[in-house]
Amino acid sequence: MKKSSLIGIASALVKSRKLKLIFVGAQFAYLGYQLVRKRKQKKLDE
């Protein structure tokens, strides 16, 4: 299972609104990190 999916499941299971926001923020940060990493890798391969 992908890390992003695990973070999404965790945010769905948590009842606290603050924790949900933290998990959603972490999920977006992780997805952004993956995007930047892929772009850098693609740029280096050229």
Protein backbone atom coordinates (compact mmCIF):
# COMPACT_ATOMS: atom_id res chain seq x y z
CA MET A 1 0.00 0.00 0.00
CA LYS A 2 1.28 3.47 -0.85
CA LYS A 3 2.24 5.89 1.91
CA SER A 4 -0.19 8.44 0.55
CA SER A 5 -3.06 5.96 0.80
CA LEU A 6 -2.12 5.07 4.37
CA ILE A 7 -2.13 8.73 5.37
CA GLY A 8 -5.55 9.16 3.72
CA ILE A 9 -6.98 6.16 5.56
CA ALA A 10 -5.56 7.42 8.85
CA SER A 11 -7.17 10.83 8.33
CA ALA A 12 -10.52 9.17 7.61
CA LEU A 13 -10.34 7.11 10.80
CA VAL A 14 -9.44 10.00 13.11
CA LYS A 15 -12.32 11.88 14.72
CA SER A 16 -10.42 14.97 15.81
CA ARG A 17 -10.69 17.81 13.30
CA LYS A 18 -7.19 19.09 14.07
CA LEU A 19 -5.65 15.67 13.47
CA LYS A 20 -7.57 15.30 10.20
CA LEU A 21 -6.12 18.60 8.99
CA ILE A 22 -2.64 17.47 10.01
CA PHE A 23 -2.99 14.18 8.13
CA VAL A 24 -4.40 15.86 5.01
CA GLY A 25 -1.57 18.40 5.11
CA ALA A 26 0.97 15.60 5.45
CA GLN A 27 -0.60 13.81 2.49
CA PHE A 28 -0.39 16.91 0.28
CA ALA A 29 3.19 17.54 1.39
CA TYR A 30 4.18 13.97 0.54
CA LEU A 31 2.51 14.11 -2.88
CA GLY A 32 4.22 17.45 -3.57
CA TYR A 33 7.56 15.98 -2.57
CA GLN A 34 7.04 13.05 -4.96
CA LEU A 35 6.15 15.43 -7.80
CA VAL A 36 9.24 17.57 -7.26
CA ARG A 37 11.45 14.49 -7.01
CA LYS A 38 10.10 13.07 -10.28
CA ARG A 39 10.61 16.40 -12.07
CA LYS A 40 14.19 16.68 -10.82
CA GLN A 41 14.91 13.10 -11.90
CA LYS A 42 13.40 13.74 -15.32
CA LYS A 43 15.47 16.91 -15.69
CA LEU A 44 18.68 15.05 -14.79
CA ASP A 45 17.95 12.30 -17.31
CA GLU A 46 17.76 14.77 -20.20
